[in-house]
Amino acid sequence: MFLNEKRNLNLNGAIFLFSSFFCAGFATIQVSLVPTKGTNNAVPCNPQSSRLAAINGAEPRLSAEQKFMRTRPPSAYCVRIESCSELMTRSPNLQYETRPFSVGGFNWTFILQPFGNTTSVGDWISAYVAIDPSGLVGENREVYADLRFLVYSKSKDQYWTSMDTEIRHFHQFRTTWGSPNLIQTKQFKAKDKEYIFDDDQCVFGVDISVYPYFNQWEILSIDKTVYGPNSWKLMKFSTLTRDFYISDDFSVGGKNWALKVYPNGNGTGEGNSLSLYVILSENQILKTYEKVYVRAKLRVLDQKQSKHLQKPILSWFDTPGEGFGFEQFVSFTDLQNPAKGFIVDDSLTVQVQFEATSSTNYYSANAAQLMSNFFSIGLSDTTDACTFTFGDSQVQENLNFEDINDDVYAQQLSAECVVKRRVEKLVSRKRSRTEASSSSVEINTDQSNSMVMMSKILTFTTEREQKQQK
């Protein structure tokens, strides 16, 4: 039976629940009707397939919006309009835009088109939020947010809520998102709903939940190199009287390990079996929260016929001095049987062979540092030398772009990268080699495309490695 040597049969873990609480201020304003100048925020060059209409003029492409009633008031901003019917009967080009308010470290405005936008004139009430583009700089040049638009019903004392099921991407070329079809005009005017109440008043609101880039991450690497084996020969085995014996430390996968033997058995093996464990050295220092994955084989060697007794280890090590193994690795009957060849000349040899080990690196940075530290790439000015940087590790190789076996890969790289003109020439050349070189390619990128390139290069590298393995 495979056991944790220190914890006596039980592998106790801890589950940590990380909770995030998002708090937003609830602001309410009373508005007297004042003519406002409309602004055209349509962005025809938006490359994404938006399923919500742009604020003016764009064709409405509706997402799978969910609409429902809820009791909770708006969390980002709220506006009460007096003389609401006045807005409902005037020009569809009129809109109301609130003062700026802050959510998630950015300034926003709430935009209402009570008569609908240009594609739904008179049939729907439209609502939008616009982010202040002056805040979209540096590491905050892109913002992702969940949006919900609300209309208050006095008869139900609840809010009609329109929730877009997609997270919206705000940037310099797309500062406005919203719902062209928030609520039908005839539904809004229905007397039994009381969206218009108390002498021609109405209330609209919005929720904005901003999702920042992650700034803490870790990289778990698993090395599947078969190390060893590491053997330990116990001489004068019949004279060993201590409860347990620990071998000298040996290094595998950047960590120090040892073998631990209980000659008279441990736990359920006491008095009937030899107990054998591999332990993380007591002198090994782990990073906080670090765990080390191990796949290995423990053996008691047959010194006559090499028919070794072997058992597998598969576990996570997180505490120096603790180990995993077997309380009943080999019975005393088999151990003392001369035909088995385990004890020869009063010596016993135990062994471990590591087949996979892990290492973990932890990082914390702002968004700009994240882009450069997590995945950075660069091209030499004078040669085709390429550098690949991942975390704290850096590898540089003199790799010609001609070494890339597939034109498609090279095109994907050059399409997103700002590189030397020679790359464009190299992409067009026919590849005469059948096998690509073994290193990952690194090309200088425009900083604004860092996140896109991180995904592109990782995919590119993985696919190349798979092709090479084939």
Protein backbone atom coordinates (compact mmCIF):
# COMPACT_ATOMS: atom_id res chain seq x y z
CA MET A 1 0.00 0.00 0.00
CA PHE A 2 1.34 3.41 -1.07
CA LEU A 3 1.54 5.70 1.96
CA ASN A 4 2.72 9.03 3.20
CA GLU A 5 5.48 8.00 5.60
CA LYS A 6 4.99 10.81 8.12
CA ARG A 7 1.23 11.16 8.04
CA ASN A 8 0.27 7.54 8.68
CA LEU A 9 -2.09 6.52 5.90
CA ASN A 10 -3.81 9.89 5.49
CA LEU A 11 -2.95 12.45 2.84
CA ASN A 12 -4.44 15.59 4.31
CA GLY A 13 -4.82 18.61 2.02
CA ALA A 14 -6.14 22.07 2.54
CA ILE A 15 -8.60 23.78 0.26
CA PHE A 16 -8.24 27.51 0.12
CA LEU A 17 -11.24 29.55 -0.91
CA PHE A 18 -10.29 32.81 -2.50
CA SER A 19 -13.18 35.28 -2.48
CA SER A 20 -13.23 38.55 -4.32
CA PHE A 21 -15.63 41.28 -3.31
CA PHE A 22 -16.55 43.96 -5.80
CA CYS A 23 -17.97 47.14 -4.30
CA ALA A 24 -19.32 50.06 -6.28
CA GLY A 25 -20.85 53.32 -5.15
CA PHE A 26 -24.47 54.04 -5.90
CA ALA A 27 -24.96 57.58 -7.11
CA THR A 28 -28.31 59.17 -7.93
CA ILE A 29 -28.91 62.48 -9.66
CA GLN A 30 -32.01 64.45 -10.51
CA VAL A 31 -32.00 65.89 -13.99
CA SER A 32 -33.87 68.87 -15.33
CA LEU A 33 -34.24 68.60 -19.07
CA VAL A 34 -31.37 70.42 -20.79
CA PRO A 35 -30.59 70.19 -24.53
CA THR A 36 -27.36 68.30 -25.12
CA LYS A 37 -25.25 68.00 -28.21
CA GLY A 38 -25.09 64.48 -29.65
CA THR A 39 -21.74 62.92 -30.39
CA ASN A 40 -21.01 60.27 -32.96
CA ASN A 41 -19.04 57.47 -31.34
CA ALA A 42 -19.49 54.85 -34.05
CA VAL A 43 -16.32 52.90 -34.75
CA PRO A 44 -16.54 51.32 -38.22
CA CYS A 45 -12.98 49.98 -37.98
CA ASN A 46 -13.68 47.74 -34.97
CA PRO A 47 -12.12 44.42 -35.99
CA GLN A 48 -14.20 42.29 -33.66
CA SER A 49 -17.56 40.83 -34.60
CA SER A 50 -19.63 42.92 -32.21
CA ARG A 51 -23.09 41.68 -31.44
CA LEU A 52 -24.25 44.95 -29.95
CA ALA A 53 -24.92 48.08 -31.94
CA ALA A 54 -22.51 50.99 -31.97
CA ILE A 55 -24.06 54.04 -30.44
CA ASN A 56 -24.96 55.86 -33.66
CA GLY A 57 -25.55 54.57 -37.12
CA ALA A 58 -24.02 51.11 -36.86
CA GLU A 59 -26.07 48.08 -37.73
CA PRO A 60 -27.41 46.47 -34.54
CA ARG A 61 -26.07 42.97 -33.99
CA LEU A 62 -27.63 41.75 -30.80
CA SER A 63 -25.88 39.37 -28.44
CA ALA A 64 -27.63 36.70 -26.43
CA GLU A 65 -28.87 39.22 -23.89
CA GLN A 66 -30.63 38.01 -20.78
CA LYS A 67 -33.51 40.10 -19.51
CA PHE A 68 -35.11 39.73 -16.11
CA MET A 69 -36.42 41.57 -13.05
CA ARG A 70 -34.25 42.07 -9.98
CA THR A 71 -34.53 43.86 -6.64
CA ARG A 72 -30.95 45.12 -6.24
CA PRO A 73 -30.36 48.73 -7.39
CA PRO A 74 -27.66 49.66 -9.92
CA SER A 75 -24.13 49.40 -8.59
CA ALA A 76 -22.28 51.86 -10.86
CA TYR A 77 -24.61 54.79 -11.63
CA CYS A 78 -28.25 55.80 -11.55
CA VAL A 79 -30.15 58.66 -13.18
CA ARG A 80 -33.69 59.85 -12.46
CA ILE A 81 -35.35 61.81 -15.24
CA GLU A 82 -38.23 64.18 -14.59
CA SER A 83 -40.66 65.04 -17.41
CA CYS A 84 -39.74 61.70 -18.96
CA SER A 85 -42.45 61.85 -21.63
CA GLU A 86 -40.85 64.97 -23.08
CA LEU A 87 -37.84 62.92 -24.13
CA MET A 88 -40.05 60.16 -25.49
CA THR A 89 -41.75 62.39 -28.04
CA ARG A 90 -38.88 64.38 -29.50
CA SER A 91 -36.15 63.88 -32.06
CA PRO A 92 -34.44 60.50 -32.11
CA ASN A 93 -31.11 62.30 -32.48
CA LEU A 94 -31.36 63.64 -28.95
CA GLN A 95 -29.62 61.72 -26.24
CA TYR A 96 -28.75 62.32 -22.63
CA GLU A 97 -25.18 61.83 -21.41
CA THR A 98 -24.45 61.94 -17.67
CA ARG A 99 -21.51 63.52 -15.92
CA PRO A 100 -18.40 61.29 -15.65
CA PHE A 101 -18.31 58.76 -12.81
CA SER A 102 -15.58 56.39 -11.69
CA VAL A 103 -15.69 52.59 -11.76
CA GLY A 104 -12.67 50.30 -11.59
CA GLY A 105 -10.21 53.18 -11.78
CA PHE A 106 -11.65 54.55 -15.04
CA ASN A 107 -14.05 57.39 -15.83
CA TRP A 108 -17.29 56.56 -17.60
CA THR A 109 -20.43 58.29 -18.83
CA PHE A 110 -23.91 56.79 -19.04
CA ILE A 111 -25.74 57.54 -22.31
CA LEU A 112 -29.49 57.23 -22.81
CA GLN A 113 -31.41 57.43 -26.07
CA PRO A 114 -35.05 57.46 -24.92
CA PHE A 115 -36.28 57.48 -28.51
CA GLY A 116 -33.91 54.68 -29.56
CA ASN A 117 -30.89 54.82 -31.85
CA THR A 118 -30.98 55.35 -35.60
CA THR A 119 -31.74 51.69 -36.30
CA SER A 120 -34.60 51.30 -33.82
CA VAL A 121 -36.27 54.71 -33.89
CA GLY A 122 -39.29 54.86 -31.65
CA ASP A 123 -39.50 51.12 -30.97
CA TRP A 124 -36.84 50.71 -28.30
CA ILE A 125 -35.05 52.68 -25.63
CA SER A 126 -31.26 52.41 -26.01
CA ALA A 127 -28.55 52.69 -23.36
CA TYR A 128 -24.76 52.78 -23.52
CA VAL A 129 -21.66 53.45 -21.46
CA ALA A 130 -18.59 55.25 -22.77
CA ILE A 131 -15.15 55.08 -21.20
CA ASP A 132 -12.93 58.17 -21.10
CA PRO A 133 -10.21 57.37 -23.68
CA SER A 134 -7.67 59.56 -21.90
CA GLY A 135 -7.39 56.83 -19.26
CA LEU A 136 -6.61 54.13 -21.84
CA VAL A 137 -2.84 54.50 -21.77
CA GLY A 138 0.14 52.39 -20.82
CA GLU A 139 -0.73 49.19 -19.03
CA ASN A 140 -4.41 50.23 -18.92
CA ARG A 141 -4.86 50.65 -22.66
CA GLU A 142 -7.41 47.82 -22.74
CA VAL A 143 -10.34 47.30 -20.38
CA TYR A 144 -12.70 44.34 -20.10
CA ALA A 145 -16.05 44.87 -18.41
CA ASP A 146 -19.43 43.25 -17.78
CA LEU A 147 -22.40 45.53 -18.45
CA ARG A 148 -25.96 45.51 -17.15
CA PHE A 149 -28.57 48.17 -17.88
CA LEU A 150 -31.59 48.71 -15.63
CA VAL A 151 -35.00 50.43 -15.66
CA TYR A 152 -37.00 50.85 -12.45
CA SER A 153 -40.61 49.58 -12.20
CA LYS A 154 -42.52 51.17 -9.33
CA SER A 155 -45.40 48.69 -9.45
CA LYS A 156 -43.01 45.78 -8.82
CA ASP A 157 -40.43 47.80 -6.89
CA GLN A 158 -37.83 46.04 -9.01
CA TYR A 159 -35.50 46.78 -11.90
CA TRP A 160 -35.97 45.53 -15.44
CA THR A 161 -32.44 44.31 -16.23
CA SER A 162 -30.75 43.68 -19.56
CA MET A 163 -27.51 41.74 -19.16
CA ASP A 164 -25.14 41.10 -22.02
CA THR A 165 -23.67 37.62 -21.76
CA GLU A 166 -20.34 38.67 -23.28
CA ILE A 167 -17.58 40.62 -21.57
CA ARG A 168 -16.99 43.85 -23.49
CA HIS A 169 -13.57 45.00 -24.66
CA PHE A 170 -12.93 48.76 -24.43
CA HIS A 171 -9.90 50.36 -26.10
CA GLN A 172 -8.91 53.50 -28.00
CA PHE A 173 -10.80 52.36 -31.09
CA ARG A 174 -13.89 51.18 -29.25
CA THR A 175 -14.80 53.34 -26.29
CA THR A 176 -18.58 52.74 -26.28
CA TRP A 177 -20.66 49.63 -25.71
CA GLY A 178 -24.31 49.19 -24.85
CA SER A 179 -27.73 47.87 -25.67
CA PRO A 180 -29.72 49.39 -28.55
CA ASN A 181 -32.76 47.38 -27.43
CA LEU A 182 -32.85 47.88 -23.68
CA ILE A 183 -36.65 47.91 -23.37
CA GLN A 184 -39.49 48.25 -25.88
CA THR A 185 -41.10 51.66 -25.91
CA LYS A 186 -44.62 50.24 -25.62
CA GLN A 187 -43.54 48.12 -22.64
CA PHE A 188 -41.90 51.12 -21.03
CA LYS A 189 -45.11 53.17 -21.44
CA ALA A 190 -47.42 50.42 -20.13
CA LYS A 191 -49.29 51.89 -17.15
CA ASP A 192 -49.44 48.64 -15.18
CA LYS A 193 -45.63 48.41 -15.15
CA GLU A 194 -45.16 51.94 -13.83
CA TYR A 195 -41.79 52.50 -15.47
CA ILE A 196 -43.13 56.05 -15.71
CA PHE A 197 -44.42 57.06 -12.29
CA ASP A 198 -45.11 59.95 -9.89
CA ASP A 199 -45.93 62.70 -12.34
CA ASP A 200 -43.80 61.60 -15.28
CA GLN A 201 -40.57 60.37 -13.66
CA CYS A 202 -38.40 57.41 -14.67
CA VAL A 203 -35.17 55.85 -13.39
CA PHE A 204 -32.36 54.20 -15.35
CA GLY A 205 -29.15 52.63 -14.05
CA VAL A 206 -26.10 50.65 -15.03
CA ASP A 207 -23.76 48.06 -13.52
CA ILE A 208 -20.14 48.04 -14.70
CA SER A 209 -17.80 45.31 -13.48
CA VAL A 210 -14.20 45.89 -14.59
CA TYR A 211 -11.86 42.93 -14.85
CA PRO A 212 -8.17 43.85 -14.56
CA TYR A 213 -5.30 41.86 -16.03
CA PHE A 214 -3.89 39.25 -13.73
CA ASN A 215 -0.67 40.46 -12.10
CA GLN A 216 0.29 37.33 -10.22
CA TRP A 217 0.99 33.99 -11.83
CA GLU A 218 3.07 30.87 -11.60
CA ILE A 219 4.70 28.52 -14.06
CA LEU A 220 4.67 24.81 -13.29
CA SER A 221 7.25 22.89 -15.31
CA ILE A 222 7.41 19.09 -15.36
CA ASP A 223 10.70 17.50 -16.35
CA LYS A 224 10.13 13.99 -17.71
CA THR A 225 13.82 13.17 -17.84
CA VAL A 226 14.51 9.74 -16.33
CA TYR A 227 17.16 10.29 -13.66
CA GLY A 228 19.34 7.78 -11.91
CA PRO A 229 18.79 5.27 -10.67
CA ASN A 230 20.06 6.23 -7.24
CA SER A 231 21.08 3.21 -5.20
CA TRP A 232 21.89 2.74 -1.53
CA LYS A 233 23.60 -0.38 -0.21
CA LEU A 234 23.08 -1.23 3.45
CA MET A 235 25.98 -3.36 4.72
CA LYS A 236 25.71 -5.77 7.68
CA PHE A 237 21.98 -5.65 7.34
CA SER A 238 21.34 -8.24 10.06
CA THR A 239 23.03 -5.99 12.63
CA LEU A 240 20.90 -2.90 11.97
CA THR A 241 19.01 -2.18 15.16
CA ARG A 242 17.74 1.36 14.82
CA ASP A 243 14.11 2.04 13.87
CA PHE A 244 15.07 3.66 10.58
CA TYR A 245 18.04 4.66 8.46
CA ILE A 246 18.33 7.55 5.98
CA SER A 247 20.73 7.60 3.05
CA ASP A 248 22.96 10.48 2.05
CA ASP A 249 21.24 13.19 0.04
CA PHE A 250 21.27 13.07 -3.74
CA SER A 251 20.07 15.69 -6.20
CA VAL A 252 17.35 15.16 -8.79
CA GLY A 253 15.40 17.85 -10.63
CA GLY A 254 17.03 20.67 -8.67
CA LYS A 255 15.91 19.23 -5.32
CA ASN A 256 17.67 17.09 -2.72
CA TRP A 257 16.24 13.68 -1.85
CA ALA A 258 17.06 10.65 0.27
CA LEU A 259 15.92 7.08 0.80
CA LYS A 260 14.54 5.97 4.16
CA VAL A 261 14.44 2.35 5.32
CA TYR A 262 12.73 0.77 8.34
CA PRO A 263 14.52 -2.62 8.69
CA ASN A 264 11.90 -3.89 11.15
CA GLY A 265 8.96 -2.25 9.41
CA ASN A 266 6.81 0.79 10.09
CA GLY A 267 3.08 1.09 10.75
CA THR A 268 1.25 -1.93 9.37
CA GLY A 269 4.59 -3.37 8.27
CA GLU A 270 6.13 -3.37 11.74
CA GLY A 271 7.38 -6.85 12.61
CA ASN A 272 6.47 -8.38 9.25
CA SER A 273 7.86 -6.29 6.40
CA LEU A 274 10.60 -3.93 5.34
CA SER A 275 9.31 -0.37 4.90
CA LEU A 276 10.82 1.82 2.18
CA TYR A 277 10.28 5.52 1.34
CA VAL A 278 11.74 8.30 -0.76
CA ILE A 279 11.85 11.57 1.19
CA LEU A 280 12.42 15.22 0.37
CA SER A 281 15.64 16.09 2.18
CA GLU A 282 15.25 17.83 5.52
CA ASN A 283 17.79 20.37 4.26
CA GLN A 284 15.76 21.19 1.16
CA ILE A 285 14.25 24.69 1.17
CA LEU A 286 10.97 25.05 -0.71
CA LYS A 287 9.32 28.25 -1.82
CA THR A 288 6.19 29.21 0.11
CA TYR A 289 3.27 27.03 -1.09
CA GLU A 290 5.54 25.09 -3.44
CA LYS A 291 4.74 21.46 -4.13
CA VAL A 292 6.96 19.06 -6.04
CA TYR A 293 5.41 16.48 -8.31
CA VAL A 294 7.21 13.15 -8.41
CA ARG A 295 6.72 10.04 -10.50
CA ALA A 296 9.29 7.41 -9.60
CA LYS A 297 9.94 3.75 -8.94
CA LEU A 298 11.17 2.31 -5.64
CA ARG A 299 13.09 -0.96 -5.78
CA VAL A 300 14.68 -3.62 -3.63
CA LEU A 301 17.31 -5.17 -5.87
CA ASP A 302 17.67 -8.88 -6.63
CA GLN A 303 21.45 -9.18 -6.47
CA LYS A 304 21.46 -12.61 -8.11
CA GLN A 305 19.05 -12.65 -11.05
CA SER A 306 18.13 -8.96 -11.36
CA LYS A 307 14.47 -9.74 -10.82
CA HIS A 308 14.04 -6.62 -8.75
CA LEU A 309 10.98 -5.92 -6.66
CA GLN A 310 9.63 -2.61 -7.91
CA LYS A 311 6.73 -0.37 -6.88
CA PRO A 312 5.62 3.00 -8.32
CA ILE A 313 5.47 6.36 -6.58
CA LEU A 314 3.15 9.12 -7.79
CA SER A 315 2.67 12.03 -5.42
CA TRP A 316 3.23 15.68 -4.49
CA PHE A 317 5.91 16.53 -1.94
CA ASP A 318 5.43 19.74 0.03
CA THR A 319 7.31 19.28 3.33
CA PRO A 320 11.05 18.69 3.78
CA GLY A 321 11.73 15.52 5.74
CA GLU A 322 8.49 13.85 4.71
CA GLY A 323 8.31 11.00 2.29
CA PHE A 324 6.12 8.61 0.37
CA GLY A 325 6.50 4.90 0.02
CA PHE A 326 5.26 1.60 1.38
CA GLU A 327 4.92 0.28 4.92
CA GLN A 328 4.88 -3.27 3.55
CA PHE A 329 7.30 -3.00 0.68
CA VAL A 330 8.62 -6.57 0.99
CA SER A 331 7.70 -9.22 3.56
CA PHE A 332 10.36 -10.66 5.83
CA THR A 333 9.61 -14.08 4.31
CA ASP A 334 10.59 -12.94 0.82
CA LEU A 335 13.38 -10.73 2.10
CA GLN A 336 15.11 -13.61 3.85
CA ASN A 337 14.51 -16.12 1.05
CA PRO A 338 17.95 -16.78 -0.53
CA ALA A 339 16.32 -17.61 -3.85
CA LYS A 340 14.99 -14.07 -4.10
CA GLY A 341 18.51 -12.64 -3.95
CA PHE A 342 17.53 -9.55 -1.92
CA ILE A 343 20.13 -10.12 0.81
CA VAL A 344 23.54 -11.26 -0.35
CA ASP A 345 26.58 -11.31 1.92
CA ASP A 346 24.43 -9.63 4.57
CA SER A 347 23.88 -6.59 2.34
CA LEU A 348 20.66 -5.11 0.99
CA THR A 349 20.44 -2.63 -1.89
CA VAL A 350 17.49 -0.28 -2.31
CA GLN A 351 16.99 2.08 -5.20
CA VAL A 352 14.85 4.87 -6.58
CA GLN A 353 14.52 6.01 -10.16
CA PHE A 354 12.85 9.35 -10.85
CA GLU A 355 10.84 9.49 -14.07
CA ALA A 356 9.27 12.93 -13.69
CA THR A 357 9.73 15.89 -11.35
CA SER A 358 8.30 19.39 -11.25
CA SER A 359 9.48 22.89 -10.44
CA THR A 360 7.37 26.00 -9.88
CA ASN A 361 8.27 29.65 -10.35
CA TYR A 362 6.09 32.41 -8.89
CA TYR A 363 5.77 35.91 -10.31
CA SER A 364 4.14 39.19 -9.37
CA ALA A 365 4.21 42.32 -11.53
CA ASN A 366 2.15 45.10 -13.02
CA ALA A 367 0.66 44.57 -16.47
CA ALA A 368 3.59 46.14 -18.33
CA GLN A 369 6.13 44.00 -16.46
CA LEU A 370 3.93 40.97 -17.01
CA MET A 371 4.13 41.37 -20.77
CA SER A 372 7.91 41.64 -20.79
CA ASN A 373 8.70 39.10 -18.07
CA PHE A 374 6.17 36.40 -18.83
CA PHE A 375 6.95 36.17 -22.49
CA SER A 376 9.43 38.38 -24.35
CA ILE A 377 10.90 38.10 -27.82
CA GLY A 378 13.52 39.99 -29.83
CA LEU A 379 15.41 40.02 -33.13
CA SER A 380 19.01 41.05 -33.61
CA ASP A 381 19.57 44.20 -35.72
CA THR A 382 22.42 42.76 -37.77
CA THR A 383 21.91 39.00 -37.81
CA ASP A 384 19.15 36.45 -37.75
CA ALA A 385 20.03 35.53 -34.17
CA CYS A 386 16.87 34.96 -32.18
CA THR A 387 16.30 35.11 -28.46
CA PHE A 388 13.52 33.32 -26.60
CA THR A 389 12.77 34.41 -23.04
CA PHE A 390 10.31 32.59 -20.77
CA GLY A 391 10.10 33.67 -17.14
CA ASP A 392 13.65 33.94 -15.86
CA SER A 393 15.14 31.61 -18.47
CA GLN A 394 16.69 32.84 -21.71
CA VAL A 395 18.02 30.89 -24.67
CA GLN A 396 19.74 32.51 -27.65
CA GLU A 397 20.45 30.71 -30.89
CA ASN A 398 21.63 31.69 -34.36
CA LEU A 399 18.51 30.54 -36.17
CA ASN A 400 17.69 31.46 -39.75
CA PHE A 401 14.09 32.15 -40.56
CA GLU A 402 14.63 29.78 -43.47
CA ASP A 403 14.80 27.04 -40.84
CA ILE A 404 11.06 27.42 -40.31
CA ASN A 405 9.58 24.50 -42.18
CA ASP A 406 6.09 25.93 -42.71
CA ASP A 407 5.40 29.21 -44.52
CA VAL A 408 2.14 29.54 -42.62
CA TYR A 409 3.95 29.76 -39.30
CA ALA A 410 6.27 32.44 -40.61
CA GLN A 411 3.33 34.39 -41.99
CA GLN A 412 1.55 34.24 -38.64
CA LEU A 413 4.66 35.62 -36.98
CA SER A 414 5.31 38.40 -39.48
CA ALA A 415 1.65 39.43 -39.56
CA GLU A 416 1.70 40.40 -35.91
CA CYS A 417 5.28 41.53 -35.48
CA VAL A 418 7.09 44.72 -36.38
CA VAL A 419 10.27 43.20 -37.80
CA LYS A 420 13.04 43.97 -40.23
CA ARG A 421 12.17 44.04 -43.90
CA ARG A 422 14.29 40.98 -44.38
CA VAL A 423 11.57 38.92 -42.67
CA GLU A 424 9.10 39.76 -45.44
CA LYS A 425 11.63 38.51 -47.97
CA LEU A 426 12.36 35.38 -45.99
CA VAL A 427 8.67 34.56 -45.66
CA SER A 428 8.28 34.48 -49.45
CA ARG A 429 11.22 32.14 -50.01
CA LYS A 430 10.57 28.49 -50.60
CA ARG A 431 11.61 26.18 -47.80
CA SER A 432 14.04 23.55 -48.97
CA ARG A 433 14.72 21.94 -45.61
CA THR A 434 12.47 19.21 -44.29
CA GLU A 435 13.17 19.59 -40.61
CA ALA A 436 13.05 22.78 -38.51
CA SER A 437 15.66 23.65 -35.95
CA SER A 438 14.92 22.76 -32.36
CA SER A 439 14.71 26.23 -30.81
CA SER A 440 11.76 28.53 -30.37
CA VAL A 441 11.83 31.64 -32.53
CA GLU A 442 11.78 35.08 -31.05
CA ILE A 443 10.94 38.19 -33.03
CA ASN A 444 10.79 41.80 -31.99
CA THR A 445 7.17 42.92 -31.44
CA ASP A 446 5.35 46.16 -31.08
CA GLN A 447 4.57 46.51 -27.36
CA SER A 448 0.86 47.01 -28.09
CA ASN A 449 0.64 43.50 -29.56
CA SER A 450 2.33 41.76 -26.61
CA MET A 451 -0.67 39.82 -25.37
CA VAL A 452 -1.65 38.68 -28.87
CA MET A 453 1.89 37.64 -29.64
CA MET A 454 2.22 35.72 -26.39
CA SER A 455 -0.62 33.46 -27.49
CA LYS A 456 0.62 33.27 -31.09
CA ILE A 457 4.17 32.33 -30.17
CA LEU A 458 3.15 29.81 -27.53
CA THR A 459 0.86 28.11 -30.07
CA PHE A 460 3.56 28.30 -32.72
CA THR A 461 6.19 26.78 -30.43
CA THR A 462 3.90 23.96 -29.29
CA GLU A 463 2.92 23.05 -32.84
CA ARG A 464 6.55 23.02 -33.97
CA GLU A 465 7.53 20.74 -31.12
CA GLN A 466 4.68 18.38 -32.00
CA LYS A 467 5.77 18.31 -35.62
CA GLN A 468 9.37 17.61 -34.65
CA GLN A 469 8.30 14.73 -32.41
CA LYS A 470 6.45 13.17 -35.34
